Amino acid sequence: MITKSNYENVVDANIAMHTRLAENYNTDEPHFRPENIKKVESRLVDIFNKTNAARLLDLGCGTGFIINIAKKYVKEIDGVDITQAMLDKIDSSGSAKIRIFKNDTGTFPIDIGAYDVVTAYSFLHHLYDIEPTLLTAYKALKNGGKLYADLEPNFYFWEIINKLERSEDNDPIISREIEMVKYKSEDFMKNLNLTKKIVDFAEYGKNVLGGFKEEELKSTLLNIGFSEVKVFYYWYIGQAALINDSNKPKEERFKDAETVNDLLQKILPVSRSVFKYLGFIATK
């Protein structure tokens, strides 16, 4: 009897979970909100301008979140994902040439040095081992090309929240994060009719490994061969409470949230445990 490796089990778990999520993915996932699309588009445009990008490789493309944004700015996009149900949702309309591949990103047979930019949006935490996928990205890039990854769990935030327990004494801000970090898997299990193992393996980097550490990400990327890695943090605990404060006008709410963010960014790395997510831009 042949026993599957954990790598293969994680791939299978992702197919199982994302096949069930595909139908409503674009409406249920918060990163499809207009304000987030605007933020990501701004980052992408800056990267495209710096690389004179014409060709993009999107690893873990899902239903086409990055593709939908990027096709306005580059001539060619290749998207790679392992779940057919997600790939079926991609909108290939527009002037850009879009090709879709059903493949594991760690073993995808890329054209070496053929791409100006590689993206991996909210994807790395779904992998058992990120290094094969990062190596795919490195090989795919031209010299001077950039890898952009985003919306990944920050280990130092997850570490603190995982130590907390449900309690009536917790502030609602804390209680919400406890539910989202420690008990979100229960919702997936119930709503998608999946086992705990499948849900945990489908988000292995989050539920099993507890997120990503900046220093380990940098070390891995530099060891692969990238010349420069810039890590950024965002979405601090309590930011949603400021933005959604109904007692203040919308403009004032967003200004308050931005003021706090600016301060927390200035005092990094001291403040890094209050940020839920991180991302990075790595240059070959």
C-alpha atoms as a PDB file:
ATOM      1  CA  MET A   1       0.000   0.000   0.000  1.00  0.00           C
ATOM      2  CA  ILE A   2       1.385   3.382  -1.032  1.00  0.00           C
ATOM      3  CA  THR A   3       1.046   6.074   1.631  1.00  0.00           C
ATOM      4  CA  LYS A   4       0.655   9.657   0.462  1.00  0.00           C
ATOM      5  CA  SER A   5       3.081  12.267   1.754  1.00  0.00           C
ATOM      6  CA  ASN A   6       1.881  15.247   3.762  1.00  0.00           C
ATOM      7  CA  TYR A   7       2.699  17.388   0.727  1.00  0.00           C
ATOM      8  CA  GLU A   8       0.238  15.364  -1.354  1.00  0.00           C
ATOM      9  CA  ASN A   9      -2.349  15.316   1.432  1.00  0.00           C
ATOM     10  CA  VAL A  10      -2.236  19.104   1.638  1.00  0.00           C
ATOM     11  CA  VAL A  11      -2.755  19.364  -2.124  1.00  0.00           C
ATOM     12  CA  ASP A  12      -5.752  17.008  -1.894  1.00  0.00           C
ATOM     13  CA  ALA A  13      -7.192  18.935   1.057  1.00  0.00           C
ATOM     14  CA  ASN A  14      -6.991  22.192  -0.866  1.00  0.00           C
ATOM     15  CA  ILE A  15      -8.796  20.681  -3.829  1.00  0.00           C
ATOM     16  CA  ALA A  16     -11.526  19.321  -1.543  1.00  0.00           C
ATOM     17  CA  MET A  17     -12.085  22.598   0.321  1.00  0.00           C
ATOM     18  CA  HIS A  18     -11.753  25.011  -2.576  1.00  0.00           C
ATOM     19  CA  THR A  19     -13.997  22.960  -4.822  1.00  0.00           C
ATOM     20  CA  ARG A  20     -16.723  23.626  -2.262  1.00  0.00           C
ATOM     21  CA  LEU A  21     -15.775  27.286  -1.846  1.00  0.00           C
ATOM     22  CA  ALA A  22     -15.521  28.112  -5.551  1.00  0.00           C
ATOM     23  CA  GLU A  23     -19.171  28.907  -6.263  1.00  0.00           C
ATOM     24  CA  ASN A  24     -19.370  31.807  -3.798  1.00  0.00           C
ATOM     25  CA  TYR A  25     -15.685  32.616  -3.407  1.00  0.00           C
ATOM     26  CA  ASN A  26     -15.759  35.999  -5.132  1.00  0.00           C
ATOM     27  CA  THR A  27     -18.625  37.262  -2.988  1.00  0.00           C
ATOM     28  CA  ASP A  28     -17.679  35.696   0.362  1.00  0.00           C
ATOM     29  CA  GLU A  29     -13.966  36.470   0.582  1.00  0.00           C
ATOM     30  CA  PRO A  30     -13.236  39.934   2.061  1.00  0.00           C
ATOM     31  CA  HIS A  31     -10.256  40.610  -0.199  1.00  0.00           C
ATOM     32  CA  PHE A  32     -12.728  41.140  -3.067  1.00  0.00           C
ATOM     33  CA  ARG A  33     -14.049  44.277  -1.363  1.00  0.00           C
ATOM     34  CA  PRO A  34     -13.496  47.454  -3.426  1.00  0.00           C
ATOM     35  CA  GLU A  35     -11.177  49.087  -0.889  1.00  0.00           C
ATOM     36  CA  ASN A  36      -8.855  46.078  -0.886  1.00  0.00           C
ATOM     37  CA  ILE A  37      -8.900  45.768  -4.673  1.00  0.00           C
ATOM     38  CA  LYS A  38      -7.872  49.430  -4.843  1.00  0.00           C
ATOM     39  CA  LYS A  39      -4.975  48.850  -2.427  1.00  0.00           C
ATOM     40  CA  VAL A  40      -3.716  45.761  -4.279  1.00  0.00           C
ATOM     41  CA  GLU A  41      -4.063  47.481  -7.647  1.00  0.00           C
ATOM     42  CA  SER A  42      -1.913  50.335  -6.395  1.00  0.00           C
ATOM     43  CA  ARG A  43       0.813  47.896  -5.315  1.00  0.00           C
ATOM     44  CA  LEU A  44       0.648  46.025  -8.617  1.00  0.00           C
ATOM     45  CA  VAL A  45       0.818  49.172 -10.744  1.00  0.00           C
ATOM     46  CA  ASP A  46       3.914  50.279  -8.833  1.00  0.00           C
ATOM     47  CA  ILE A  47       5.541  46.867  -9.413  1.00  0.00           C
ATOM     48  CA  PHE A  48       4.541  46.850 -13.088  1.00  0.00           C
ATOM     49  CA  ASN A  49       6.014  50.315 -13.591  1.00  0.00           C
ATOM     50  CA  LYS A  50       9.296  49.372 -11.926  1.00  0.00           C
ATOM     51  CA  THR A  51       9.685  46.228 -14.046  1.00  0.00           C
ATOM     52  CA  ASN A  52       8.150  47.476 -17.314  1.00  0.00           C
ATOM     53  CA  ALA A  53       6.004  44.385 -16.995  1.00  0.00           C
ATOM     54  CA  ALA A  54       4.496  42.723 -20.041  1.00  0.00           C
ATOM     55  CA  ARG A  55       4.171  39.147 -18.779  1.00  0.00           C
ATOM     56  CA  LEU A  56       2.810  37.950 -15.415  1.00  0.00           C
ATOM     57  CA  LEU A  57       2.704  34.525 -13.750  1.00  0.00           C
ATOM     58  CA  ASP A  58       0.020  34.209 -11.056  1.00  0.00           C
ATOM     59  CA  LEU A  59       0.639  31.238  -8.753  1.00  0.00           C
ATOM     60  CA  GLY A  60      -2.402  29.977  -6.861  1.00  0.00           C
ATOM     61  CA  CYS A  61      -4.578  32.149  -9.082  1.00  0.00           C
ATOM     62  CA  GLY A  62      -7.866  30.777  -7.722  1.00  0.00           C
ATOM     63  CA  THR A  63     -10.868  32.434  -9.333  1.00  0.00           C
ATOM     64  CA  GLY A  64      -8.737  35.229 -10.802  1.00  0.00           C
ATOM     65  CA  PHE A  65      -8.463  37.955  -8.149  1.00  0.00           C
ATOM     66  CA  ILE A  66      -5.051  39.128  -9.383  1.00  0.00           C
ATOM     67  CA  ILE A  67      -5.829  38.335 -13.019  1.00  0.00           C
ATOM     68  CA  ASN A  68      -8.870  40.637 -12.973  1.00  0.00           C
ATOM     69  CA  ILE A  69      -6.708  43.533 -11.791  1.00  0.00           C
ATOM     70  CA  ALA A  70      -3.558  42.837 -13.799  1.00  0.00           C
ATOM     71  CA  LYS A  71      -5.132  42.256 -17.212  1.00  0.00           C
ATOM     72  CA  LYS A  72      -5.621  46.007 -17.582  1.00  0.00           C
ATOM     73  CA  TYR A  73      -1.874  46.591 -17.337  1.00  0.00           C
ATOM     74  CA  VAL A  74       0.046  43.637 -18.851  1.00  0.00           C
ATOM     75  CA  LYS A  75      -0.120  41.872 -22.199  1.00  0.00           C
ATOM     76  CA  GLU A  76       0.137  38.250 -21.056  1.00  0.00           C
ATOM     77  CA  ILE A  77      -0.927  36.402 -17.898  1.00  0.00           C
ATOM     78  CA  ASP A  78      -0.435  32.758 -17.013  1.00  0.00           C
ATOM     79  CA  GLY A  79      -2.478  31.532 -14.055  1.00  0.00           C
ATOM     80  CA  VAL A  80      -1.737  28.324 -12.161  1.00  0.00           C
ATOM     81  CA  ASP A  81      -3.980  26.567  -9.648  1.00  0.00           C
ATOM     82  CA  ILE A  82      -4.712  22.987  -8.601  1.00  0.00           C
ATOM     83  CA  THR A  83      -8.504  23.297  -8.236  1.00  0.00           C
ATOM     84  CA  GLN A  84     -10.510  23.067 -11.443  1.00  0.00           C
ATOM     85  CA  ALA A  85     -13.661  24.514  -9.861  1.00  0.00           C
ATOM     86  CA  MET A  86     -11.756  27.708  -9.061  1.00  0.00           C
ATOM     87  CA  LEU A  87     -10.178  27.919 -12.506  1.00  0.00           C
ATOM     88  CA  ASP A  88     -13.631  27.593 -14.087  1.00  0.00           C
ATOM     89  CA  LYS A  89     -14.592  30.935 -12.502  1.00  0.00           C
ATOM     90  CA  ILE A  90     -11.808  32.963 -14.140  1.00  0.00           C
ATOM     91  CA  ASP A  91     -12.907  35.739 -16.486  1.00  0.00           C
ATOM     92  CA  SER A  92     -10.537  35.692 -19.458  1.00  0.00           C
ATOM     93  CA  SER A  93     -12.140  38.620 -21.254  1.00  0.00           C
ATOM     94  CA  GLY A  94     -10.161  41.712 -22.165  1.00  0.00           C
ATOM     95  CA  SER A  95      -7.170  42.512 -24.337  1.00  0.00           C
ATOM     96  CA  ALA A  96      -4.563  40.555 -22.333  1.00  0.00           C
ATOM     97  CA  LYS A  97      -3.679  37.039 -23.441  1.00  0.00           C
ATOM     98  CA  ILE A  98      -4.648  34.786 -20.528  1.00  0.00           C
ATOM     99  CA  ARG A  99      -3.649  31.142 -20.230  1.00  0.00           C
ATOM    100  CA  ILE A 100      -4.788  28.895 -17.390  1.00  0.00           C
ATOM    101  CA  PHE A 101      -2.969  25.808 -16.105  1.00  0.00           C
ATOM    102  CA  LYS A 102      -4.248  23.166 -13.679  1.00  0.00           C
ATOM    103  CA  ASN A 103      -1.081  22.235 -11.815  1.00  0.00           C
ATOM    104  CA  ASP A 104       0.633  22.197  -8.450  1.00  0.00           C
ATOM    105  CA  THR A 105       2.665  25.413  -8.221  1.00  0.00           C
ATOM    106  CA  GLY A 106       5.648  23.588  -6.727  1.00  0.00           C
ATOM    107  CA  THR A 107       6.045  21.380  -9.789  1.00  0.00           C
ATOM    108  CA  PHE A 108       4.757  23.679 -12.535  1.00  0.00           C
ATOM    109  CA  PRO A 109       7.039  23.403 -15.615  1.00  0.00           C
ATOM    110  CA  ILE A 110       7.730  27.080 -16.157  1.00  0.00           C
ATOM    111  CA  ASP A 111       9.553  28.871 -18.956  1.00  0.00           C
ATOM    112  CA  ILE A 112      12.765  29.939 -17.212  1.00  0.00           C
ATOM    113  CA  GLY A 113      13.268  33.696 -17.093  1.00  0.00           C
ATOM    114  CA  ALA A 114      10.114  34.385 -19.079  1.00  0.00           C
ATOM    115  CA  TYR A 115       8.184  36.615 -16.667  1.00  0.00           C
ATOM    116  CA  ASP A 116       8.586  40.166 -15.424  1.00  0.00           C
ATOM    117  CA  VAL A 117       6.387  39.655 -12.350  1.00  0.00           C
ATOM    118  CA  VAL A 118       5.155  36.661 -10.363  1.00  0.00           C
ATOM    119  CA  THR A 119       2.297  36.947  -7.878  1.00  0.00           C
ATOM    120  CA  ALA A 120       1.039  34.696  -5.084  1.00  0.00           C
ATOM    121  CA  TYR A 121      -1.889  36.415  -3.406  1.00  0.00           C
ATOM    122  CA  SER A 122      -3.290  34.873  -0.199  1.00  0.00           C
ATOM    123  CA  PHE A 123      -1.845  31.573  -1.331  1.00  0.00           C
ATOM    124  CA  LEU A 124       1.351  30.555   0.455  1.00  0.00           C
ATOM    125  CA  HIS A 125      -0.429  29.593   3.678  1.00  0.00           C
ATOM    126  CA  HIS A 126      -2.266  26.884   1.730  1.00  0.00           C
ATOM    127  CA  LEU A 127       1.006  25.031   1.087  1.00  0.00           C
ATOM    128  CA  TYR A 128       2.721  22.308   3.089  1.00  0.00           C
ATOM    129  CA  ASP A 129       6.124  23.622   2.027  1.00  0.00           C
ATOM    130  CA  ILE A 130       6.463  27.051   0.422  1.00  0.00           C
ATOM    131  CA  GLU A 131      10.005  26.572  -0.877  1.00  0.00           C
ATOM    132  CA  PRO A 132       9.144  24.629  -4.084  1.00  0.00           C
ATOM    133  CA  THR A 133       6.642  27.336  -5.070  1.00  0.00           C
ATOM    134  CA  LEU A 134       9.090  30.134  -4.258  1.00  0.00           C
ATOM    135  CA  LEU A 135      11.679  28.325  -6.373  1.00  0.00           C
ATOM    136  CA  THR A 136       9.159  28.147  -9.228  1.00  0.00           C
ATOM    137  CA  ALA A 137       8.725  31.905  -8.932  1.00  0.00           C
ATOM    138  CA  TYR A 138      12.468  32.549  -8.867  1.00  0.00           C
ATOM    139  CA  LYS A 139      13.120  30.430 -11.963  1.00  0.00           C
ATOM    140  CA  ALA A 140      10.204  32.043 -13.806  1.00  0.00           C
ATOM    141  CA  LEU A 141      11.442  35.596 -13.290  1.00  0.00           C
ATOM    142  CA  LYS A 142      13.778  37.599 -15.454  1.00  0.00           C
ATOM    143  CA  ASN A 143      16.717  39.223 -13.695  1.00  0.00           C
ATOM    144  CA  GLY A 144      15.313  42.258 -11.944  1.00  0.00           C
ATOM    145  CA  GLY A 145      11.820  40.760 -11.908  1.00  0.00           C
ATOM    146  CA  LYS A 146       9.691  40.820  -8.775  1.00  0.00           C
ATOM    147  CA  LEU A 147       7.658  38.336  -6.753  1.00  0.00           C
ATOM    148  CA  TYR A 148       4.678  39.841  -4.927  1.00  0.00           C
ATOM    149  CA  ALA A 149       2.939  37.859  -2.170  1.00  0.00           C
ATOM    150  CA  ASP A 150       0.257  39.229   0.122  1.00  0.00           C
ATOM    151  CA  LEU A 151      -2.509  38.562   2.680  1.00  0.00           C
ATOM    152  CA  GLU A 152      -0.513  35.984   4.622  1.00  0.00           C
ATOM    153  CA  PRO A 153      -0.943  35.284   8.367  1.00  0.00           C
ATOM    154  CA  ASN A 154       1.601  37.024  10.586  1.00  0.00           C
ATOM    155  CA  PHE A 155       3.008  34.429  13.006  1.00  0.00           C
ATOM    156  CA  TYR A 156       3.488  36.936  15.818  1.00  0.00           C
ATOM    157  CA  PHE A 157      -0.189  37.940  15.751  1.00  0.00           C
ATOM    158  CA  TRP A 158      -1.434  34.348  15.515  1.00  0.00           C
ATOM    159  CA  GLU A 159       0.877  33.328  18.374  1.00  0.00           C
ATOM    160  CA  ILE A 160      -0.647  35.801  20.815  1.00  0.00           C
ATOM    161  CA  ILE A 161      -4.282  35.201  19.819  1.00  0.00           C
ATOM    162  CA  ASN A 162      -3.872  31.414  20.005  1.00  0.00           C
ATOM    163  CA  LYS A 163      -2.864  31.729  23.659  1.00  0.00           C
ATOM    164  CA  LEU A 164      -6.136  33.473  24.554  1.00  0.00           C
ATOM    165  CA  GLU A 165      -9.402  31.810  25.529  1.00  0.00           C
ATOM    166  CA  ARG A 166     -13.027  32.758  25.058  1.00  0.00           C
ATOM    167  CA  SER A 167     -14.151  34.912  27.968  1.00  0.00           C
ATOM    168  CA  GLU A 168     -16.890  37.400  28.755  1.00  0.00           C
ATOM    169  CA  ASP A 169     -14.174  39.655  30.135  1.00  0.00           C
ATOM    170  CA  ASN A 170     -12.568  40.078  26.709  1.00  0.00           C
ATOM    171  CA  ASP A 171     -13.193  43.262  24.787  1.00  0.00           C
ATOM    172  CA  PRO A 172     -15.295  42.570  21.660  1.00  0.00           C
ATOM    173  CA  ILE A 173     -12.265  43.418  19.524  1.00  0.00           C
ATOM    174  CA  ILE A 174     -10.285  40.614  21.163  1.00  0.00           C
ATOM    175  CA  SER A 175     -13.232  38.226  21.121  1.00  0.00           C
ATOM    176  CA  ARG A 176     -13.678  38.664  17.378  1.00  0.00           C
ATOM    177  CA  GLU A 177     -10.041  37.839  16.676  1.00  0.00           C
ATOM    178  CA  ILE A 178     -10.181  34.761  18.916  1.00  0.00           C
ATOM    179  CA  GLU A 179     -13.150  33.507  16.898  1.00  0.00           C
ATOM    180  CA  MET A 180     -11.518  34.245  13.543  1.00  0.00           C
ATOM    181  CA  VAL A 181      -8.102  32.802  14.405  1.00  0.00           C
ATOM    182  CA  LYS A 182      -8.923  29.862  16.682  1.00  0.00           C
ATOM    183  CA  TYR A 183     -12.407  28.772  15.656  1.00  0.00           C
ATOM    184  CA  LYS A 184     -12.875  29.717  11.987  1.00  0.00           C
ATOM    185  CA  SER A 185     -12.072  26.114  11.051  1.00  0.00           C
ATOM    186  CA  GLU A 186     -15.226  24.988  12.859  1.00  0.00           C
ATOM    187  CA  ASP A 187     -17.327  27.084  10.480  1.00  0.00           C
ATOM    188  CA  PHE A 188     -15.634  25.522   7.458  1.00  0.00           C
ATOM    189  CA  MET A 189     -16.143  22.033   8.867  1.00  0.00           C
ATOM    190  CA  LYS A 190     -19.839  22.659   9.464  1.00  0.00           C
ATOM    191  CA  ASN A 191     -20.709  24.660   6.361  1.00  0.00           C
ATOM    192  CA  LEU A 192     -18.632  22.644   3.891  1.00  0.00           C
ATOM    193  CA  ASN A 193     -19.076  19.235   5.500  1.00  0.00           C
ATOM    194  CA  LEU A 194     -15.327  18.655   5.820  1.00  0.00           C
ATOM    195  CA  THR A 195     -13.204  16.986   8.488  1.00  0.00           C
ATOM    196  CA  LYS A 196     -10.931  19.000  10.767  1.00  0.00           C
ATOM    197  CA  LYS A 197      -7.885  17.402   9.149  1.00  0.00           C
ATOM    198  CA  ILE A 198      -8.933  18.509   5.663  1.00  0.00           C
ATOM    199  CA  VAL A 199      -9.632  22.074   6.802  1.00  0.00           C
ATOM    200  CA  ASP A 200      -6.369  22.320   8.736  1.00  0.00           C
ATOM    201  CA  PHE A 201      -4.343  20.823   5.887  1.00  0.00           C
ATOM    202  CA  ALA A 202      -6.022  23.145   3.356  1.00  0.00           C
ATOM    203  CA  GLU A 203      -4.689  26.092   5.385  1.00  0.00           C
ATOM    204  CA  TYR A 204      -1.554  24.372   6.596  1.00  0.00           C
ATOM    205  CA  GLY A 205       0.605  27.463   6.950  1.00  0.00           C
ATOM    206  CA  LYS A 206      -2.053  29.105   9.086  1.00  0.00           C
ATOM    207  CA  ASN A 207      -3.762  26.347  11.082  1.00  0.00           C
ATOM    208  CA  VAL A 208      -0.795  24.006  11.578  1.00  0.00           C
ATOM    209  CA  LEU A 209       2.294  26.222  11.353  1.00  0.00           C
ATOM    210  CA  GLY A 210       0.624  29.299  12.831  1.00  0.00           C
ATOM    211  CA  GLY A 211       1.603  31.807  10.174  1.00  0.00           C
ATOM    212  CA  PHE A 212       4.837  33.200   8.763  1.00  0.00           C
ATOM    213  CA  LYS A 213       7.795  34.852  10.481  1.00  0.00           C
ATOM    214  CA  GLU A 214       9.395  37.755   8.645  1.00  0.00           C
ATOM    215  CA  GLU A 215      12.928  36.611   9.378  1.00  0.00           C
ATOM    216  CA  GLU A 216      12.277  33.058   8.124  1.00  0.00           C
ATOM    217  CA  LEU A 217      10.612  34.300   4.939  1.00  0.00           C
ATOM    218  CA  LYS A 218      13.551  36.588   4.210  1.00  0.00           C
ATOM    219  CA  SER A 219      16.063  33.829   4.878  1.00  0.00           C
ATOM    220  CA  THR A 220      14.276  31.370   2.580  1.00  0.00           C
ATOM    221  CA  LEU A 221      13.899  33.879  -0.248  1.00  0.00           C
ATOM    222  CA  LEU A 222      17.517  35.073  -0.041  1.00  0.00           C
ATOM    223  CA  ASN A 223      18.817  31.503   0.092  1.00  0.00           C
ATOM    224  CA  ILE A 224      16.848  30.700  -3.077  1.00  0.00           C
ATOM    225  CA  GLY A 225      18.628  33.565  -4.801  1.00  0.00           C
ATOM    226  CA  PHE A 226      16.486  36.695  -4.514  1.00  0.00           C
ATOM    227  CA  SER A 227      18.661  39.791  -4.087  1.00  0.00           C
ATOM    228  CA  GLU A 228      16.253  41.885  -2.010  1.00  0.00           C
ATOM    229  CA  VAL A 229      13.173  41.194   0.116  1.00  0.00           C
ATOM    230  CA  LYS A 230      10.847  43.852   1.514  1.00  0.00           C
ATOM    231  CA  VAL A 231       8.258  42.634   4.047  1.00  0.00           C
ATOM    232  CA  PHE A 232       5.268  44.784   4.984  1.00  0.00           C
ATOM    233  CA  TYR A 233       2.619  44.473   7.712  1.00  0.00           C
ATOM    234  CA  TYR A 234      -0.988  45.644   7.732  1.00  0.00           C
ATOM    235  CA  TRP A 235      -4.463  45.394   9.245  1.00  0.00           C
ATOM    236  CA  TYR A 236      -3.808  45.977  12.952  1.00  0.00           C
ATOM    237  CA  ILE A 237      -6.119  44.681  15.643  1.00  0.00           C
ATOM    238  CA  GLY A 238      -8.899  47.199  16.237  1.00  0.00           C
ATOM    239  CA  GLN A 239      -8.630  48.797  12.798  1.00  0.00           C
ATOM    240  CA  ALA A 240     -12.072  47.523  11.809  1.00  0.00           C
ATOM    241  CA  ALA A 241     -13.561  49.017  14.974  1.00  0.00           C
ATOM    242  CA  LEU A 242     -12.213  52.450  14.078  1.00  0.00           C
ATOM    243  CA  ILE A 243     -13.360  52.254  10.467  1.00  0.00           C
ATOM    244  CA  ASN A 244     -16.851  51.069  11.427  1.00  0.00           C
ATOM    245  CA  ASP A 245     -17.431  53.539  14.260  1.00  0.00           C
ATOM    246  CA  SER A 246     -20.940  54.795  13.435  1.00  0.00           C
ATOM    247  CA  ASN A 247     -20.562  57.752  15.788  1.00  0.00           C
ATOM    248  CA  LYS A 248     -18.190  59.506  13.382  1.00  0.00           C
ATOM    249  CA  PRO A 249     -18.377  60.559   9.711  1.00  0.00           C
ATOM    250  CA  LYS A 250     -16.786  58.133   7.252  1.00  0.00           C
ATOM    251  CA  GLU A 251     -13.889  60.414   6.328  1.00  0.00           C
ATOM    252  CA  GLU A 252     -13.011  60.959   9.977  1.00  0.00           C
ATOM    253  CA  ARG A 253     -13.131  57.225  10.704  1.00  0.00           C
ATOM    254  CA  PHE A 254     -10.726  56.381   7.902  1.00  0.00           C
ATOM    255  CA  LYS A 255      -8.443  59.256   8.872  1.00  0.00           C
ATOM    256  CA  ASP A 256      -8.299  58.010  12.473  1.00  0.00           C
ATOM    257  CA  ALA A 257      -7.517  54.477  11.311  1.00  0.00           C
ATOM    258  CA  GLU A 258      -4.754  55.743   9.052  1.00  0.00           C
ATOM    259  CA  THR A 259      -3.236  57.871  11.825  1.00  0.00           C
ATOM    260  CA  VAL A 260      -2.962  54.844  14.105  1.00  0.00           C
ATOM    261  CA  ASN A 261      -1.540  52.755  11.254  1.00  0.00           C
ATOM    262  CA  ASP A 262       1.127  55.370  10.526  1.00  0.00           C
ATOM    263  CA  LEU A 263       2.235  55.333  14.164  1.00  0.00           C
ATOM    264  CA  LEU A 264       2.347  51.535  14.365  1.00  0.00           C
ATOM    265  CA  GLN A 265       4.326  51.362  11.127  1.00  0.00           C
ATOM    266  CA  LYS A 266       6.879  53.815  12.522  1.00  0.00           C
ATOM    267  CA  ILE A 267       7.543  51.664  15.582  1.00  0.00           C
ATOM    268  CA  LEU A 268       8.065  48.384  13.733  1.00  0.00           C
ATOM    269  CA  PRO A 269       9.381  45.823  14.644  1.00  0.00           C
ATOM    270  CA  VAL A 270       8.113  46.565  18.167  1.00  0.00           C
ATOM    271  CA  SER A 271       4.518  46.709  16.912  1.00  0.00           C
ATOM    272  CA  ARG A 272       4.574  43.767  14.495  1.00  0.00           C
ATOM    273  CA  SER A 273       2.518  41.457  16.754  1.00  0.00           C
ATOM    274  CA  VAL A 274      -0.538  43.738  16.446  1.00  0.00           C
ATOM    275  CA  PHE A 275      -0.714  43.329  12.649  1.00  0.00           C
ATOM    276  CA  LYS A 276      -2.762  40.383  11.430  1.00  0.00           C
ATOM    277  CA  TYR A 277      -1.261  40.077   7.965  1.00  0.00           C
ATOM    278  CA  LEU A 278       2.016  40.460   6.133  1.00  0.00           C
ATOM    279  CA  GLY A 279       3.171  40.461   2.546  1.00  0.00           C
ATOM    280  CA  PHE A 280       6.433  40.867   0.683  1.00  0.00           C
ATOM    281  CA  ILE A 281       8.043  41.942  -2.556  1.00  0.00           C
ATOM    282  CA  ALA A 282      11.166  39.995  -3.525  1.00  0.00           C
ATOM    283  CA  THR A 283      13.466  41.073  -6.348  1.00  0.00           C
ATOM    284  CA  LYS A 284      15.509  38.604  -8.411  1.00  0.00           C
END
